[in-house]
Amino acid sequence: KDLIDSELKKREVRLKAHRANDVWEKRTEPPSDWNGPLPPWIAERAKSSYLNYAKAASEKGEAASFCSIM
């Protein structure tokens, strides 16, 4: 019980500033153009993304295999 109360208090403190923020208007639904086309510079960058390579491999019926060392 004490642990749960403690976590709830931590959560309230963390969300206090979020709830007190009156600068931004909260949305009730997504913007009407949320699914519109990407700006050209993002579309160009997306052409060489891992997701695009995996999609192309999936459409060909191949198993995409990529190695990424970070």
PDB file of N, CA and C in Angstrom:
ATOM      1  N   LYS A   1       0.826  -1.200   0.000  1.00  0.00           N
ATOM      2  CA  LYS A   1       0.000   0.000   0.000  1.00  0.00           C
ATOM      3  C   LYS A   1       0.865   1.257   0.000  1.00  0.00           C
ATOM      4  N   ASP A   2       1.902   1.270   0.836  1.00  0.00           N
ATOM      5  CA  ASP A   2       2.786   2.440   0.901  1.00  0.00           C
ATOM      6  C   ASP A   2       3.509   2.658  -0.423  1.00  0.00           C
ATOM      7  N   LEU A   3       3.926   1.563  -1.040  1.00  0.00           N
ATOM      8  CA  LEU A   3       4.629   1.661  -2.322  1.00  0.00           C
ATOM      9  C   LEU A   3       3.716   2.261  -3.392  1.00  0.00           C
ATOM     10  N   ILE A   4       2.497   1.800  -3.436  1.00  0.00           N
ATOM     11  CA  ILE A   4       1.547   2.312  -4.427  1.00  0.00           C
ATOM     12  C   ILE A   4       1.283   3.795  -4.191  1.00  0.00           C
ATOM     13  N   ASP A   5       1.089   4.177  -2.939  1.00  0.00           N
ATOM     14  CA  ASP A   5       0.872   5.595  -2.623  1.00  0.00           C
ATOM     15  C   ASP A   5       2.071   6.439  -3.020  1.00  0.00           C
ATOM     16  N   SER A   6       3.261   5.922  -2.749  1.00  0.00           N
ATOM     17  CA  SER A   6       4.488   6.640  -3.103  1.00  0.00           C
ATOM     18  C   SER A   6       4.587   6.836  -4.614  1.00  0.00           C
ATOM     19  N   GLU A   7       4.288   5.798  -5.372  1.00  0.00           N
ATOM     20  CA  GLU A   7       4.356   5.887  -6.832  1.00  0.00           C
ATOM     21  C   GLU A   7       3.290   6.845  -7.373  1.00  0.00           C
ATOM     22  N   LEU A   8       2.123   6.840  -6.781  1.00  0.00           N
ATOM     23  CA  LEU A   8       1.073   7.769  -7.215  1.00  0.00           C
ATOM     24  C   LEU A   8       1.481   9.212  -6.949  1.00  0.00           C
ATOM     25  N   LYS A   9       2.128   9.462  -5.813  1.00  0.00           N
ATOM     26  CA  LYS A   9       2.603  10.813  -5.507  1.00  0.00           C
ATOM     27  C   LYS A   9       3.677  11.240  -6.500  1.00  0.00           C
ATOM     28  N   LYS A  10       4.600  10.324  -6.821  1.00  0.00           N
ATOM     29  CA  LYS A  10       5.650  10.634  -7.807  1.00  0.00           C
ATOM     30  C   LYS A  10       5.023  10.988  -9.148  1.00  0.00           C
ATOM     31  N   ARG A  11       4.016  10.230  -9.517  1.00  0.00           N
ATOM     32  CA  ARG A  11       3.339  10.467 -10.796  1.00  0.00           C
ATOM     33  C   ARG A  11       2.659  11.834 -10.798  1.00  0.00           C
ATOM     34  N   GLU A  12       2.007  12.171  -9.709  1.00  0.00           N
ATOM     35  CA  GLU A  12       1.350  13.476  -9.612  1.00  0.00           C
ATOM     36  C   GLU A  12       2.354  14.612  -9.739  1.00  0.00           C
ATOM     37  N   VAL A  13       3.496  14.483  -9.078  1.00  0.00           N
ATOM     38  CA  VAL A  13       4.532  15.519  -9.157  1.00  0.00           C
ATOM     39  C   VAL A  13       5.034  15.642 -10.589  1.00  0.00           C
ATOM     40  N   ARG A  14       5.253  14.494 -11.240  1.00  0.00           N
ATOM     41  CA  ARG A  14       5.773  14.494 -12.604  1.00  0.00           C
ATOM     42  C   ARG A  14       4.783  15.130 -13.584  1.00  0.00           C
ATOM     43  N   LEU A  15       3.500  14.891 -13.383  1.00  0.00           N
ATOM     44  CA  LEU A  15       2.494  15.386 -14.323  1.00  0.00           C
ATOM     45  C   LEU A  15       1.946  16.763 -13.957  1.00  0.00           C
ATOM     46  N   LYS A  16       2.367  17.308 -12.826  1.00  0.00           N
ATOM     47  CA  LYS A  16       1.844  18.595 -12.368  1.00  0.00           C
ATOM     48  C   LYS A  16       2.087  19.700 -13.401  1.00  0.00           C
ATOM     49  N   ALA A  17       3.305  19.810 -13.910  1.00  0.00           N
ATOM     50  CA  ALA A  17       3.628  20.843 -14.901  1.00  0.00           C
ATOM     51  C   ALA A  17       2.861  20.610 -16.203  1.00  0.00           C
ATOM     52  N   HIS A  18       2.718  19.364 -16.577  1.00  0.00           N
ATOM     53  CA  HIS A  18       1.979  19.036 -17.803  1.00  0.00           C
ATOM     54  C   HIS A  18       0.527  19.509 -17.700  1.00  0.00           C
ATOM     55  N   ARG A  19      -0.079  19.231 -16.587  1.00  0.00           N
ATOM     56  CA  ARG A  19      -1.484  19.610 -16.408  1.00  0.00           C
ATOM     57  C   ARG A  19      -1.656  21.113 -16.234  1.00  0.00           C
ATOM     58  N   ALA A  20      -0.645  21.777 -15.683  1.00  0.00           N
ATOM     59  CA  ALA A  20      -0.731  23.217 -15.443  1.00  0.00           C
ATOM     60  C   ALA A  20      -0.417  24.033 -16.693  1.00  0.00           C
ATOM     61  N   ASN A  21       0.092  23.400 -17.734  1.00  0.00           N
ATOM     62  CA  ASN A  21       0.465  24.104 -18.958  1.00  0.00           C
ATOM     63  C   ASN A  21      -0.789  24.607 -19.669  1.00  0.00           C
ATOM     64  N   ASP A  22      -0.905  25.921 -19.776  1.00  0.00           N
ATOM     65  CA  ASP A  22      -2.052  26.486 -20.481  1.00  0.00           C
ATOM     66  C   ASP A  22      -1.634  27.185 -21.777  1.00  0.00           C
ATOM     67  N   VAL A  23      -0.403  26.933 -22.208  1.00  0.00           N
ATOM     68  CA  VAL A  23       0.101  27.543 -23.438  1.00  0.00           C
ATOM     69  C   VAL A  23      -0.438  26.804 -24.656  1.00  0.00           C
ATOM     70  N   TRP A  24      -0.466  25.477 -24.584  1.00  0.00           N
ATOM     71  CA  TRP A  24      -0.901  24.674 -25.719  1.00  0.00           C
ATOM     72  C   TRP A  24      -2.348  24.262 -25.539  1.00  0.00           C
ATOM     73  N   GLU A  25      -3.070  24.262 -26.644  1.00  0.00           N
ATOM     74  CA  GLU A  25      -4.456  23.811 -26.626  1.00  0.00           C
ATOM     75  C   GLU A  25      -4.471  22.309 -26.858  1.00  0.00           C
ATOM     76  N   LYS A  26      -5.129  21.579 -25.996  1.00  0.00           N
ATOM     77  CA  LYS A  26      -5.176  20.122 -26.122  1.00  0.00           C
ATOM     78  C   LYS A  26      -6.101  19.732 -27.278  1.00  0.00           C
ATOM     79  N   ARG A  27      -5.687  18.730 -28.029  1.00  0.00           N
ATOM     80  CA  ARG A  27      -6.477  18.271 -29.177  1.00  0.00           C
ATOM     81  C   ARG A  27      -7.534  17.275 -28.743  1.00  0.00           C
ATOM     82  N   THR A  28      -8.638  17.278 -29.452  1.00  0.00           N
ATOM     83  CA  THR A  28      -9.666  16.266 -29.241  1.00  0.00           C
ATOM     84  C   THR A  28      -9.636  15.238 -30.365  1.00  0.00           C
ATOM     85  N   GLU A  29      -8.973  15.592 -31.477  1.00  0.00           N
ATOM     86  CA  GLU A  29      -8.835  14.683 -32.619  1.00  0.00           C
ATOM     87  C   GLU A  29      -7.593  15.091 -33.402  1.00  0.00           C
ATOM     88  N   PRO A  30      -7.074  14.204 -34.238  1.00  0.00           N
ATOM     89  CA  PRO A  30      -5.875  14.558 -35.011  1.00  0.00           C
ATOM     90  C   PRO A  30      -6.176  15.656 -36.032  1.00  0.00           C
ATOM     91  N   PRO A  31      -5.143  16.364 -36.502  1.00  0.00           N
ATOM     92  CA  PRO A  31      -5.352  17.385 -37.528  1.00  0.00           C
ATOM     93  C   PRO A  31      -5.934  16.759 -38.799  1.00  0.00           C
ATOM     94  N   SER A  32      -6.650  17.541 -39.572  1.00  0.00           N
ATOM     95  CA  SER A  32      -7.307  17.009 -40.773  1.00  0.00           C
ATOM     96  C   SER A  32      -6.298  16.517 -41.809  1.00  0.00           C
ATOM     97  N   ASP A  33      -5.096  17.083 -41.837  1.00  0.00           N
ATOM     98  CA  ASP A  33      -4.102  16.677 -42.840  1.00  0.00           C
ATOM     99  C   ASP A  33      -3.000  15.793 -42.247  1.00  0.00           C
ATOM    100  N   TRP A  34      -3.305  15.058 -41.190  1.00  0.00           N
ATOM    101  CA  TRP A  34      -2.278  14.270 -40.508  1.00  0.00           C
ATOM    102  C   TRP A  34      -1.686  13.181 -41.395  1.00  0.00           C
ATOM    103  N   ASN A  35      -2.419  12.731 -42.386  1.00  0.00           N
ATOM    104  CA  ASN A  35      -1.945  11.644 -43.240  1.00  0.00           C
ATOM    105  C   ASN A  35      -1.586  12.153 -44.631  1.00  0.00           C
ATOM    106  N   GLY A  36      -1.244  13.412 -44.742  1.00  0.00           N
ATOM    107  CA  GLY A  36      -0.887  13.999 -46.032  1.00  0.00           C
ATOM    108  C   GLY A  36       0.497  13.552 -46.485  1.00  0.00           C
ATOM    109  N   PRO A  37       0.887  13.953 -47.690  1.00  0.00           N
ATOM    110  CA  PRO A  37       2.210  13.569 -48.187  1.00  0.00           C
ATOM    111  C   PRO A  37       3.321  14.220 -47.369  1.00  0.00           C
ATOM    112  N   LEU A  38       4.452  13.528 -47.318  1.00  0.00           N
ATOM    113  CA  LEU A  38       5.609  14.053 -46.596  1.00  0.00           C
ATOM    114  C   LEU A  38       6.235  15.204 -47.366  1.00  0.00           C
ATOM    115  N   PRO A  39       6.889  16.118 -46.662  1.00  0.00           N
ATOM    116  CA  PRO A  39       7.656  17.151 -47.366  1.00  0.00           C
ATOM    117  C   PRO A  39       8.742  16.482 -48.213  1.00  0.00           C
ATOM    118  N   PRO A  40       9.133  17.086 -49.333  1.00  0.00           N
ATOM    119  CA  PRO A  40      10.092  16.453 -50.245  1.00  0.00           C
ATOM    120  C   PRO A  40      11.397  16.013 -49.573  1.00  0.00           C
ATOM    121  N   TRP A  41      11.928  16.810 -48.657  1.00  0.00           N
ATOM    122  CA  TRP A  41      13.210  16.446 -48.048  1.00  0.00           C
ATOM    123  C   TRP A  41      13.087  15.218 -47.154  1.00  0.00           C
ATOM    124  N   ILE A  42      11.935  15.032 -46.531  1.00  0.00           N
ATOM    125  CA  ILE A  42      11.743  13.833 -45.710  1.00  0.00           C
ATOM    126  C   ILE A  42      11.511  12.625 -46.612  1.00  0.00           C
ATOM    127  N   ALA A  43      10.735  12.796 -47.689  1.00  0.00           N
ATOM    128  CA  ALA A  43      10.477  11.700 -48.623  1.00  0.00           C
ATOM    129  C   ALA A  43      11.779  11.218 -49.247  1.00  0.00           C
ATOM    130  N   GLU A  44      12.674  12.145 -49.585  1.00  0.00           N
ATOM    131  CA  GLU A  44      13.968  11.776 -50.167  1.00  0.00           C
ATOM    132  C   GLU A  44      14.809  10.984 -49.166  1.00  0.00           C
ATOM    133  N   ARG A  45      14.807  11.428 -47.925  1.00  0.00           N
ATOM    134  CA  ARG A  45      15.584  10.747 -46.889  1.00  0.00           C
ATOM    135  C   ARG A  45      15.003   9.364 -46.588  1.00  0.00           C
ATOM    136  N   ALA A  46      13.676   9.217 -46.707  1.00  0.00           N
ATOM    137  CA  ALA A  46      13.027   7.946 -46.404  1.00  0.00           C
ATOM    138  C   ALA A  46      13.339   6.876 -47.445  1.00  0.00           C
ATOM    139  N   LYS A  47      13.752   7.290 -48.652  1.00  0.00           N
ATOM    140  CA  LYS A  47      14.065   6.317 -49.705  1.00  0.00           C
ATOM    141  C   LYS A  47      15.202   5.390 -49.303  1.00  0.00           C
ATOM    142  N   SER A  48      16.119   5.873 -48.482  1.00  0.00           N
ATOM    143  CA  SER A  48      17.258   5.050 -48.094  1.00  0.00           C
ATOM    144  C   SER A  48      17.133   4.542 -46.656  1.00  0.00           C
ATOM    145  N   SER A  49      15.920   4.482 -46.145  1.00  0.00           N
ATOM    146  CA  SER A  49      15.729   4.028 -44.769  1.00  0.00           C
ATOM    147  C   SER A  49      15.665   2.503 -44.705  1.00  0.00           C
ATOM    148  N   TYR A  50      15.935   1.972 -43.532  1.00  0.00           N
ATOM    149  CA  TYR A  50      15.853   0.531 -43.311  1.00  0.00           C
ATOM    150  C   TYR A  50      14.438   0.038 -43.587  1.00  0.00           C
ATOM    151  N   LEU A  51      13.447   0.801 -43.175  1.00  0.00           N
ATOM    152  CA  LEU A  51      12.061   0.398 -43.372  1.00  0.00           C
ATOM    153  C   LEU A  51      11.739   0.242 -44.855  1.00  0.00           C
ATOM    154  N   ASN A  52      12.259   1.136 -45.692  1.00  0.00           N
ATOM    155  CA  ASN A  52      12.031   1.057 -47.130  1.00  0.00           C
ATOM    156  C   ASN A  52      12.707  -0.185 -47.720  1.00  0.00           C
ATOM    157  N   TYR A  53      13.945  -0.469 -47.281  1.00  0.00           N
ATOM    158  CA  TYR A  53      14.637  -1.673 -47.759  1.00  0.00           C
ATOM    159  C   TYR A  53      13.895  -2.940 -47.337  1.00  0.00           C
ATOM    160  N   ALA A  54      13.430  -2.979 -46.107  1.00  0.00           N
ATOM    161  CA  ALA A  54      12.708  -4.150 -45.616  1.00  0.00           C
ATOM    162  C   ALA A  54      11.392  -4.326 -46.367  1.00  0.00           C
ATOM    163  N   LYS A  55      10.709  -3.231 -46.668  1.00  0.00           N
ATOM    164  CA  LYS A  55       9.454  -3.292 -47.415  1.00  0.00           C
ATOM    165  C   LYS A  55       9.698  -3.841 -48.816  1.00  0.00           C
ATOM    166  N   ALA A  56      10.746  -3.349 -49.483  1.00  0.00           N
ATOM    167  CA  ALA A  56      11.063  -3.818 -50.835  1.00  0.00           C
ATOM    168  C   ALA A  56      11.408  -5.304 -50.822  1.00  0.00           C
ATOM    169  N   ALA A  57      12.168  -5.736 -49.830  1.00  0.00           N
ATOM    170  CA  ALA A  57      12.533  -7.150 -49.732  1.00  0.00           C
ATOM    171  C   ALA A  57      11.298  -8.001 -49.463  1.00  0.00           C
ATOM    172  N   SER A  58      10.400  -7.505 -48.643  1.00  0.00           N
ATOM    173  CA  SER A  58       9.181  -8.236 -48.323  1.00  0.00           C
ATOM    174  C   SER A  58       8.292  -8.375 -49.556  1.00  0.00           C
ATOM    175  N   GLU A  59       8.221  -7.316 -50.367  1.00  0.00           N
ATOM    176  CA  GLU A  59       7.400  -7.365 -51.577  1.00  0.00           C
ATOM    177  C   GLU A  59       7.963  -8.352 -52.594  1.00  0.00           C
ATOM    178  N   LYS A  60       9.298  -8.535 -52.587  1.00  0.00           N
ATOM    179  CA  LYS A  60       9.924  -9.494 -53.494  1.00  0.00           C
ATOM    180  C   LYS A  60       9.847 -10.916 -52.943  1.00  0.00           C
ATOM    181  N   GLY A  61       9.442 -11.060 -51.687  1.00  0.00           N
ATOM    182  CA  GLY A  61       9.373 -12.375 -51.068  1.00  0.00           C
ATOM    183  C   GLY A  61      10.697 -12.807 -50.477  1.00  0.00           C
ATOM    184  N   GLU A  62      11.634 -11.888 -50.355  1.00  0.00           N
ATOM    185  CA  GLU A  62      12.941 -12.199 -49.787  1.00  0.00           C
ATOM    186  C   GLU A  62      12.941 -11.858 -48.302  1.00  0.00           C
ATOM    187  N   ALA A  63      13.803 -12.529 -47.577  1.00  0.00           N
ATOM    188  CA  ALA A  63      13.987 -12.192 -46.165  1.00  0.00           C
ATOM    189  C   ALA A  63      15.076 -11.138 -46.084  1.00  0.00           C
ATOM    190  N   ALA A  64      14.745  -9.977 -45.577  1.00  0.00           N
ATOM    191  CA  ALA A  64      15.728  -8.901 -45.451  1.00  0.00           C
ATOM    192  C   ALA A  64      16.675  -9.204 -44.304  1.00  0.00           C
ATOM    193  N   SER A  65      17.954  -9.050 -44.563  1.00  0.00           N
ATOM    194  CA  SER A  65      18.951  -9.296 -43.529  1.00  0.00           C
ATOM    195  C   SER A  65      19.917  -8.130 -43.514  1.00  0.00           C
ATOM    196  N   PHE A  66      19.895  -7.383 -42.448  1.00  0.00           N
ATOM    197  CA  PHE A  66      20.771  -6.230 -42.300  1.00  0.00           C
ATOM    198  C   PHE A  66      21.500  -6.331 -40.975  1.00  0.00           C
ATOM    199  N   CYS A  67      22.730  -5.894 -40.965  1.00  0.00           N
ATOM    200  CA  CYS A  67      23.514  -5.874 -39.743  1.00  0.00           C
ATOM    201  C   CYS A  67      23.816  -4.418 -39.416  1.00  0.00           C
ATOM    202  N   SER A  68      23.540  -4.041 -38.209  1.00  0.00           N
ATOM    203  CA  SER A  68      23.796  -2.668 -37.792  1.00  0.00           C
ATOM    204  C   SER A  68      24.587  -2.692 -36.498  1.00  0.00           C
ATOM    205  N   ILE A  69      25.779  -2.131 -36.542  1.00  0.00           N
ATOM    206  CA  ILE A  69      26.621  -2.077 -35.354  1.00  0.00           C
ATOM    207  C   ILE A  69      26.605  -0.651 -34.843  1.00  0.00           C
ATOM    208  N   MET A  70      26.211  -0.510 -33.610  1.00  0.00           N
ATOM    209  CA  MET A  70      26.142   0.831 -33.026  1.00  0.00           C
ATOM    210  C   MET A  70      27.110   0.950 -31.889  1.00  0.00           C
TER     211      MET A  70
END
